[in-house]
Amino acid sequence: MVDLRDSDAYANGHIPGAAHLELADLGSSVAGLENVLLPPVEFGDLMATCGISKADAVIAYDDQWGLAAARLLWALHHYGHDGVAVLDGGWDGWQAEGGPAAKGAERITPGRFEAAPRADVYADRDSIARRMRSGEAVLLDTRTQTEFDNGHLPGAVCWDWFNAVPADSWDVSRDPGELRAEWQRLGFNASDEVIVYCRSGMRAAHTYLALRNAGFSRVRLYDGSWQEWSMKMEHAGDD
């Protein structure tokens, strides 16, 4: 169990036995880009400090409709660990249902985690450019409409990540059937390959999770997202 809320919230109450992980610790700044996923060795070391070993089942939760937990889920998928899920309802749902809580720090036995990158859930700028030329994939921009209107990847479809969140609920996602119908109206289906992106790969992780839960098996996340794409565009203009 991994709690991805801030440290104060964790100290004031968490699911017993849960390790604490700051969302920001999953990434670092690289070449002017924020929140780039840690490289394999560093990621493996971080998971080990959370008590995670390769064969473990991992449940992640937060208090943001699964936004932070989804980032960990995608990161684990990318590094070869499929045994991970997001707690529906998160901390708020756990409290509402009367789940037990612990305070303060937990003694976490270190795990042994060796990250093994897999390519099928990851996209970079070059692979997206190839798919643009061939028309092989749907590009799904999960930022707001205003952000999209101010600049986006060519051919992308705008779909704000928060559209997945049900009204008046802490659940992670709306009914999968509703979402599939909504995405079909936007022009893509569960058989399509979908590449999700946002500004820095955070919001897109939530949509990655929603798509996977709705039966989309060919989903990739562009970790560099709009911050990298727009930076490359600016540099190209300087040439």
C-alpha atoms as a PDB file:
ATOM      1  CA  MET A   1       0.000   0.000   0.000  1.00  0.00           C
ATOM      2  CA  VAL A   2       1.405   3.399  -1.012  1.00  0.00           C
ATOM      3  CA  ASP A   3       0.003   6.753   0.127  1.00  0.00           C
ATOM      4  CA  LEU A   4       0.714   9.595  -2.313  1.00  0.00           C
ATOM      5  CA  ARG A   5      -0.745  12.487  -0.316  1.00  0.00           C
ATOM      6  CA  ASP A   6       1.471  15.163   1.200  1.00  0.00           C
ATOM      7  CA  SER A   7       3.523  14.374   4.288  1.00  0.00           C
ATOM      8  CA  ASP A   8       1.308  16.284   6.727  1.00  0.00           C
ATOM      9  CA  ALA A   9      -1.839  14.514   5.533  1.00  0.00           C
ATOM     10  CA  TYR A  10      -0.077  11.156   5.828  1.00  0.00           C
ATOM     11  CA  ALA A  11       1.156  11.892   9.352  1.00  0.00           C
ATOM     12  CA  ASN A  12      -2.330  12.900  10.467  1.00  0.00           C
ATOM     13  CA  GLY A  13      -3.887   9.661   9.262  1.00  0.00           C
ATOM     14  CA  HIS A  14      -3.270   6.930   6.702  1.00  0.00           C
ATOM     15  CA  ILE A  15      -4.208   3.349   5.944  1.00  0.00           C
ATOM     16  CA  PRO A  16      -2.319   1.122   8.395  1.00  0.00           C
ATOM     17  CA  GLY A  17       0.887  -0.240   6.895  1.00  0.00           C
ATOM     18  CA  ALA A  18       0.943   2.192   3.970  1.00  0.00           C
ATOM     19  CA  ALA A  19       4.277   3.613   2.871  1.00  0.00           C
ATOM     20  CA  HIS A  20       4.428   7.317   2.114  1.00  0.00           C
ATOM     21  CA  LEU A  21       5.621   8.587  -1.258  1.00  0.00           C
ATOM     22  CA  GLU A  22       5.706  12.193  -2.436  1.00  0.00           C
ATOM     23  CA  LEU A  23       4.494  12.489  -6.021  1.00  0.00           C
ATOM     24  CA  ALA A  24       7.353  14.858  -6.824  1.00  0.00           C
ATOM     25  CA  ASP A  25       9.880  12.161  -5.896  1.00  0.00           C
ATOM     26  CA  LEU A  26       8.818  10.082  -8.915  1.00  0.00           C
ATOM     27  CA  GLY A  27      10.362  12.644 -11.240  1.00  0.00           C
ATOM     28  CA  SER A  28      13.223  15.045 -11.690  1.00  0.00           C
ATOM     29  CA  SER A  29      14.180  18.015 -13.848  1.00  0.00           C
ATOM     30  CA  VAL A  30      15.985  17.032 -17.032  1.00  0.00           C
ATOM     31  CA  ALA A  31      17.176  19.463 -19.721  1.00  0.00           C
ATOM     32  CA  GLY A  32      14.675  22.093 -18.630  1.00  0.00           C
ATOM     33  CA  LEU A  33      11.765  19.665 -18.351  1.00  0.00           C
ATOM     34  CA  GLU A  34       9.884  19.153 -15.083  1.00  0.00           C
ATOM     35  CA  ASN A  35       8.682  15.887 -13.554  1.00  0.00           C
ATOM     36  CA  VAL A  36      10.449  13.580 -15.992  1.00  0.00           C
ATOM     37  CA  LEU A  37      10.122  10.017 -14.712  1.00  0.00           C
ATOM     38  CA  LEU A  38      13.165   8.779 -12.808  1.00  0.00           C
ATOM     39  CA  PRO A  39      15.590   6.551 -14.708  1.00  0.00           C
ATOM     40  CA  PRO A  40      15.493   2.804 -13.972  1.00  0.00           C
ATOM     41  CA  VAL A  41      18.054   2.501 -11.186  1.00  0.00           C
ATOM     42  CA  GLU A  42      16.780   5.514  -9.256  1.00  0.00           C
ATOM     43  CA  PHE A  43      13.183   4.389  -9.691  1.00  0.00           C
ATOM     44  CA  GLY A  44      14.030   0.896  -8.481  1.00  0.00           C
ATOM     45  CA  ASP A  45      15.748   2.310  -5.398  1.00  0.00           C
ATOM     46  CA  LEU A  46      12.719   4.504  -4.654  1.00  0.00           C
ATOM     47  CA  MET A  47      10.333   1.570  -4.913  1.00  0.00           C
ATOM     48  CA  ALA A  48      12.577  -0.460  -2.611  1.00  0.00           C
ATOM     49  CA  THR A  49      12.365   2.256   0.057  1.00  0.00           C
ATOM     50  CA  CYS A  50       8.561   1.944  -0.189  1.00  0.00           C
ATOM     51  CA  GLY A  51       8.889  -1.755   0.593  1.00  0.00           C
ATOM     52  CA  ILE A  52       8.041  -2.869  -2.936  1.00  0.00           C
ATOM     53  CA  SER A  53       9.606  -5.969  -4.440  1.00  0.00           C
ATOM     54  CA  LYS A  54       9.076  -7.316  -7.911  1.00  0.00           C
ATOM     55  CA  ALA A  55       6.450  -9.918  -7.007  1.00  0.00           C
ATOM     56  CA  ASP A  56       4.393  -7.651  -4.735  1.00  0.00           C
ATOM     57  CA  ALA A  57       0.864  -6.468  -5.431  1.00  0.00           C
ATOM     58  CA  VAL A  58       0.768  -2.692  -5.009  1.00  0.00           C
ATOM     59  CA  ILE A  59      -2.253  -0.555  -4.148  1.00  0.00           C
ATOM     60  CA  ALA A  60      -1.813   3.212  -4.483  1.00  0.00           C
ATOM     61  CA  TYR A  61      -4.111   5.909  -3.190  1.00  0.00           C
ATOM     62  CA  ASP A  62      -4.358   9.678  -2.748  1.00  0.00           C
ATOM     63  CA  ASP A  63      -7.003  12.350  -2.144  1.00  0.00           C
ATOM     64  CA  GLN A  64      -7.186  13.664  -5.723  1.00  0.00           C
ATOM     65  CA  TRP A  65      -9.482  11.155  -7.479  1.00  0.00           C
ATOM     66  CA  GLY A  66      -6.467   8.938  -8.132  1.00  0.00           C
ATOM     67  CA  LEU A  67      -4.441  11.587  -9.974  1.00  0.00           C
ATOM     68  CA  ALA A  68      -1.177  11.007  -8.098  1.00  0.00           C
ATOM     69  CA  ALA A  69      -1.796   7.274  -7.673  1.00  0.00           C
ATOM     70  CA  ALA A  70      -2.288   6.916 -11.426  1.00  0.00           C
ATOM     71  CA  ARG A  71       1.142   8.416 -12.022  1.00  0.00           C
ATOM     72  CA  LEU A  72       2.684   5.702  -9.856  1.00  0.00           C
ATOM     73  CA  LEU A  73       0.599   3.044 -11.597  1.00  0.00           C
ATOM     74  CA  TRP A  74       1.829   4.140 -15.026  1.00  0.00           C
ATOM     75  CA  ALA A  75       5.426   4.374 -13.802  1.00  0.00           C
ATOM     76  CA  LEU A  76       5.267   0.834 -12.435  1.00  0.00           C
ATOM     77  CA  HIS A  77       3.738  -0.414 -15.679  1.00  0.00           C
ATOM     78  CA  HIS A  78       6.531   1.266 -17.624  1.00  0.00           C
ATOM     79  CA  TYR A  79       9.140  -0.397 -15.455  1.00  0.00           C
ATOM     80  CA  GLY A  80       7.682  -3.857 -15.832  1.00  0.00           C
ATOM     81  CA  HIS A  81       5.434  -4.187 -12.787  1.00  0.00           C
ATOM     82  CA  ASP A  82       1.831  -4.926 -13.732  1.00  0.00           C
ATOM     83  CA  GLY A  83       0.654  -5.910 -10.258  1.00  0.00           C
ATOM     84  CA  VAL A  84      -0.585  -2.472  -9.279  1.00  0.00           C
ATOM     85  CA  ALA A  85      -4.026  -0.925  -8.758  1.00  0.00           C
ATOM     86  CA  VAL A  86      -5.475   2.389  -7.608  1.00  0.00           C
ATOM     87  CA  LEU A  87      -7.805   2.389  -4.604  1.00  0.00           C
ATOM     88  CA  ASP A  88     -11.183   3.610  -5.847  1.00  0.00           C
ATOM     89  CA  GLY A  89     -12.379   6.465  -3.664  1.00  0.00           C
ATOM     90  CA  GLY A  90      -8.902   7.009  -2.280  1.00  0.00           C
ATOM     91  CA  TRP A  91      -8.357   8.229   1.261  1.00  0.00           C
ATOM     92  CA  ASP A  92     -11.665  10.116   1.351  1.00  0.00           C
ATOM     93  CA  GLY A  93     -13.639   7.040   0.379  1.00  0.00           C
ATOM     94  CA  TRP A  94     -11.708   4.962   2.906  1.00  0.00           C
ATOM     95  CA  GLN A  95     -12.624   7.393   5.675  1.00  0.00           C
ATOM     96  CA  ALA A  96     -16.261   7.633   4.578  1.00  0.00           C
ATOM     97  CA  GLU A  97     -16.563   3.851   4.800  1.00  0.00           C
ATOM     98  CA  GLY A  98     -15.054   3.790   8.287  1.00  0.00           C
ATOM     99  CA  GLY A  99     -11.768   2.177   7.339  1.00  0.00           C
ATOM    100  CA  PRO A 100      -9.095   1.942  10.054  1.00  0.00           C
ATOM    101  CA  ALA A 101      -6.410   4.628  10.233  1.00  0.00           C
ATOM    102  CA  ALA A 102      -2.933   4.975  11.688  1.00  0.00           C
ATOM    103  CA  LYS A 103      -0.949   8.115  12.501  1.00  0.00           C
ATOM    104  CA  GLY A 104       2.719   9.002  12.398  1.00  0.00           C
ATOM    105  CA  ALA A 105       5.428   7.040  10.625  1.00  0.00           C
ATOM    106  CA  GLU A 106       5.362   3.394   9.574  1.00  0.00           C
ATOM    107  CA  ARG A 107       8.297   1.022   9.791  1.00  0.00           C
ATOM    108  CA  ILE A 108       8.695  -0.118   6.187  1.00  0.00           C
ATOM    109  CA  THR A 109      10.874  -3.117   5.420  1.00  0.00           C
ATOM    110  CA  PRO A 110      12.867  -2.283   2.286  1.00  0.00           C
ATOM    111  CA  GLY A 111      12.017  -4.266  -0.816  1.00  0.00           C
ATOM    112  CA  ARG A 112      14.082  -5.343  -3.809  1.00  0.00           C
ATOM    113  CA  PHE A 113      12.931  -3.820  -7.054  1.00  0.00           C
ATOM    114  CA  GLU A 114      14.755  -4.005 -10.370  1.00  0.00           C
ATOM    115  CA  ALA A 115      13.190  -1.744 -12.989  1.00  0.00           C
ATOM    116  CA  ALA A 116      12.901  -3.304 -16.440  1.00  0.00           C
ATOM    117  CA  PRO A 117      11.621  -0.690 -18.922  1.00  0.00           C
ATOM    118  CA  ARG A 118       8.947  -1.792 -21.393  1.00  0.00           C
ATOM    119  CA  ALA A 119       8.192   0.165 -24.517  1.00  0.00           C
ATOM    120  CA  ASP A 120       4.510  -0.590 -25.024  1.00  0.00           C
ATOM    121  CA  VAL A 121       3.156   1.979 -22.511  1.00  0.00           C
ATOM    122  CA  TYR A 122       5.660   4.735 -23.261  1.00  0.00           C
ATOM    123  CA  ALA A 123       5.929   7.301 -26.049  1.00  0.00           C
ATOM    124  CA  ASP A 124       8.636   9.815 -26.833  1.00  0.00           C
ATOM    125  CA  ARG A 125       8.765  12.672 -29.317  1.00  0.00           C
ATOM    126  CA  ASP A 126      10.346  10.649 -32.121  1.00  0.00           C
ATOM    127  CA  SER A 127       7.871   7.769 -31.882  1.00  0.00           C
ATOM    128  CA  ILE A 128       4.968  10.232 -31.891  1.00  0.00           C
ATOM    129  CA  ALA A 129       6.348  11.950 -34.974  1.00  0.00           C
ATOM    130  CA  ARG A 130       6.469   8.586 -36.752  1.00  0.00           C
ATOM    131  CA  ARG A 131       2.901   7.804 -35.763  1.00  0.00           C
ATOM    132  CA  MET A 132       1.760  11.216 -36.953  1.00  0.00           C
ATOM    133  CA  ARG A 133       3.152  10.496 -40.397  1.00  0.00           C
ATOM    134  CA  SER A 134       1.548   7.063 -40.557  1.00  0.00           C
ATOM    135  CA  GLY A 135      -1.713   7.937 -38.777  1.00  0.00           C
ATOM    136  CA  GLU A 136      -1.277   4.858 -36.574  1.00  0.00           C
ATOM    137  CA  ALA A 137      -2.368   6.339 -33.243  1.00  0.00           C
ATOM    138  CA  VAL A 138      -4.849   8.699 -31.627  1.00  0.00           C
ATOM    139  CA  LEU A 139      -3.257  11.627 -29.791  1.00  0.00           C
ATOM    140  CA  LEU A 140      -5.343  12.546 -26.750  1.00  0.00           C
ATOM    141  CA  ASP A 141      -4.582  15.890 -25.093  1.00  0.00           C
ATOM    142  CA  THR A 142      -5.823  15.750 -21.495  1.00  0.00           C
ATOM    143  CA  ARG A 143      -5.316  19.423 -20.654  1.00  0.00           C
ATOM    144  CA  THR A 144      -8.079  22.029 -20.491  1.00  0.00           C
ATOM    145  CA  GLN A 145      -9.690  23.392 -23.629  1.00  0.00           C
ATOM    146  CA  THR A 146      -7.975  26.750 -23.021  1.00  0.00           C
ATOM    147  CA  GLU A 147      -4.544  25.116 -22.833  1.00  0.00           C
ATOM    148  CA  PHE A 148      -5.325  23.102 -25.955  1.00  0.00           C
ATOM    149  CA  ASP A 149      -6.432  26.197 -27.865  1.00  0.00           C
ATOM    150  CA  ASN A 150      -3.157  27.915 -26.980  1.00  0.00           C
ATOM    151  CA  GLY A 151      -1.145  25.125 -28.612  1.00  0.00           C
ATOM    152  CA  HIS A 152      -1.256  21.354 -29.050  1.00  0.00           C
ATOM    153  CA  LEU A 153       0.261  18.462 -30.964  1.00  0.00           C
ATOM    154  CA  PRO A 154      -0.892  18.376 -34.595  1.00  0.00           C
ATOM    155  CA  GLY A 155      -3.970  16.205 -35.024  1.00  0.00           C
ATOM    156  CA  ALA A 156      -4.593  15.801 -31.283  1.00  0.00           C
ATOM    157  CA  VAL A 157      -8.055  15.482 -29.762  1.00  0.00           C
ATOM    158  CA  CYS A 158      -8.834  17.553 -26.659  1.00  0.00           C
ATOM    159  CA  TRP A 159     -10.347  15.704 -23.706  1.00  0.00           C
ATOM    160  CA  ASP A 160      -9.807  17.209 -20.241  1.00  0.00           C
ATOM    161  CA  TRP A 161      -8.696  14.495 -17.779  1.00  0.00           C
ATOM    162  CA  PHE A 162     -11.280  15.678 -15.255  1.00  0.00           C
ATOM    163  CA  ASN A 163     -14.043  14.519 -17.617  1.00  0.00           C
ATOM    164  CA  ALA A 164     -13.346  11.027 -16.275  1.00  0.00           C
ATOM    165  CA  VAL A 165     -14.204  11.982 -12.691  1.00  0.00           C
ATOM    166  CA  PRO A 166     -17.809  11.315 -11.624  1.00  0.00           C
ATOM    167  CA  ALA A 167     -19.755  14.234 -10.165  1.00  0.00           C
ATOM    168  CA  ASP A 168     -20.074  14.441  -6.362  1.00  0.00           C
ATOM    169  CA  SER A 169     -17.880  11.413  -5.794  1.00  0.00           C
ATOM    170  CA  TRP A 170     -14.337  10.495  -4.769  1.00  0.00           C
ATOM    171  CA  ASP A 171     -14.328   7.571  -7.207  1.00  0.00           C
ATOM    172  CA  VAL A 172     -11.475   7.462  -9.672  1.00  0.00           C
ATOM    173  CA  SER A 173     -13.551   7.192 -12.811  1.00  0.00           C
ATOM    174  CA  ARG A 174     -17.015   7.229 -14.326  1.00  0.00           C
ATOM    175  CA  ASP A 175     -18.659   4.107 -15.708  1.00  0.00           C
ATOM    176  CA  PRO A 176     -16.377   2.528 -18.343  1.00  0.00           C
ATOM    177  CA  GLY A 177     -19.280   2.077 -20.762  1.00  0.00           C
ATOM    178  CA  GLU A 178     -20.105   5.796 -20.599  1.00  0.00           C
ATOM    179  CA  LEU A 179     -16.497   6.682 -21.253  1.00  0.00           C
ATOM    180  CA  ARG A 180     -16.189   4.291 -24.199  1.00  0.00           C
ATOM    181  CA  ALA A 181     -19.313   5.839 -25.775  1.00  0.00           C
ATOM    182  CA  GLU A 182     -17.927   9.337 -25.206  1.00  0.00           C
ATOM    183  CA  TRP A 183     -14.580   8.466 -26.759  1.00  0.00           C
ATOM    184  CA  GLN A 184     -16.300   6.770 -29.676  1.00  0.00           C
ATOM    185  CA  ARG A 185     -18.079  10.057 -30.393  1.00  0.00           C
ATOM    186  CA  LEU A 186     -14.639  11.660 -30.484  1.00  0.00           C
ATOM    187  CA  GLY A 187     -13.606   9.164 -33.137  1.00  0.00           C
ATOM    188  CA  PHE A 188     -11.704   6.343 -31.464  1.00  0.00           C
ATOM    189  CA  ASN A 189     -12.407   2.907 -29.980  1.00  0.00           C
ATOM    190  CA  ALA A 190     -10.837   0.340 -27.673  1.00  0.00           C
ATOM    191  CA  SER A 191      -9.073  -1.309 -30.606  1.00  0.00           C
ATOM    192  CA  ASP A 192      -7.134   1.878 -31.390  1.00  0.00           C
ATOM    193  CA  GLU A 193      -3.728   2.786 -30.064  1.00  0.00           C
ATOM    194  CA  VAL A 194      -4.035   5.928 -27.937  1.00  0.00           C
ATOM    195  CA  ILE A 195      -1.199   8.213 -26.829  1.00  0.00           C
ATOM    196  CA  VAL A 196      -2.104  10.479 -23.919  1.00  0.00           C
ATOM    197  CA  TYR A 197      -0.307  13.657 -22.948  1.00  0.00           C
ATOM    198  CA  CYS A 198      -0.807  16.837 -20.904  1.00  0.00           C
ATOM    199  CA  ARG A 199       1.721  19.465 -19.857  1.00  0.00           C
ATOM    200  CA  SER A 200       4.163  17.248 -17.972  1.00  0.00           C
ATOM    201  CA  GLY A 201       2.641  13.766 -17.920  1.00  0.00           C
ATOM    202  CA  MET A 202       0.717  14.003 -14.645  1.00  0.00           C
ATOM    203  CA  ARG A 203      -2.895  14.490 -15.730  1.00  0.00           C
ATOM    204  CA  ALA A 204      -2.329  12.170 -18.668  1.00  0.00           C
ATOM    205  CA  ALA A 205      -1.563   9.344 -16.238  1.00  0.00           C
ATOM    206  CA  HIS A 206      -5.102   9.559 -14.883  1.00  0.00           C
ATOM    207  CA  THR A 207      -6.517   9.251 -18.402  1.00  0.00           C
ATOM    208  CA  TYR A 208      -4.117   6.352 -19.032  1.00  0.00           C
ATOM    209  CA  LEU A 209      -5.722   4.623 -16.053  1.00  0.00           C
ATOM    210  CA  ALA A 210      -9.276   5.456 -17.173  1.00  0.00           C
ATOM    211  CA  LEU A 211      -8.595   4.116 -20.669  1.00  0.00           C
ATOM    212  CA  ARG A 212      -7.076   0.909 -19.343  1.00  0.00           C
ATOM    213  CA  ASN A 213     -10.022   0.399 -16.992  1.00  0.00           C
ATOM    214  CA  ALA A 214     -12.362   0.879 -19.945  1.00  0.00           C
ATOM    215  CA  GLY A 215     -10.732  -1.924 -21.928  1.00  0.00           C
ATOM    216  CA  PHE A 216      -8.192   0.015 -24.003  1.00  0.00           C
ATOM    217  CA  SER A 217      -5.128  -2.227 -24.067  1.00  0.00           C
ATOM    218  CA  ARG A 218      -2.953  -0.131 -26.410  1.00  0.00           C
ATOM    219  CA  VAL A 219      -2.328   3.022 -24.391  1.00  0.00           C
ATOM    220  CA  ARG A 220       0.927   4.959 -24.207  1.00  0.00           C
ATOM    221  CA  LEU A 221       1.859   8.026 -22.178  1.00  0.00           C
ATOM    222  CA  TYR A 222       4.081  10.752 -23.591  1.00  0.00           C
ATOM    223  CA  ASP A 223       6.165  11.617 -20.535  1.00  0.00           C
ATOM    224  CA  GLY A 224       7.723  14.758 -22.024  1.00  0.00           C
ATOM    225  CA  SER A 225       4.238  15.908 -23.035  1.00  0.00           C
ATOM    226  CA  TRP A 226       3.516  19.463 -24.176  1.00  0.00           C
ATOM    227  CA  GLN A 227       6.427  20.993 -22.239  1.00  0.00           C
ATOM    228  CA  GLU A 228       8.902  18.990 -24.346  1.00  0.00           C
ATOM    229  CA  TRP A 229       7.037  19.292 -27.633  1.00  0.00           C
ATOM    230  CA  SER A 230       6.655  23.067 -27.354  1.00  0.00           C
ATOM    231  CA  MET A 231      10.306  23.469 -26.332  1.00  0.00           C
ATOM    232  CA  LYS A 232      11.448  21.532 -29.398  1.00  0.00           C
ATOM    233  CA  MET A 233       9.220  23.717 -31.567  1.00  0.00           C
ATOM    234  CA  GLU A 234      10.840  26.860 -30.158  1.00  0.00           C
ATOM    235  CA  HIS A 235      14.324  25.482 -30.768  1.00  0.00           C
ATOM    236  CA  ALA A 236      13.397  24.485 -34.306  1.00  0.00           C
ATOM    237  CA  GLY A 237      12.328  28.076 -34.911  1.00  0.00           C
ATOM    238  CA  ASP A 238      15.782  29.237 -33.834  1.00  0.00           C
ATOM    239  CA  ASP A 239      17.548  27.136 -36.480  1.00  0.00           C
END
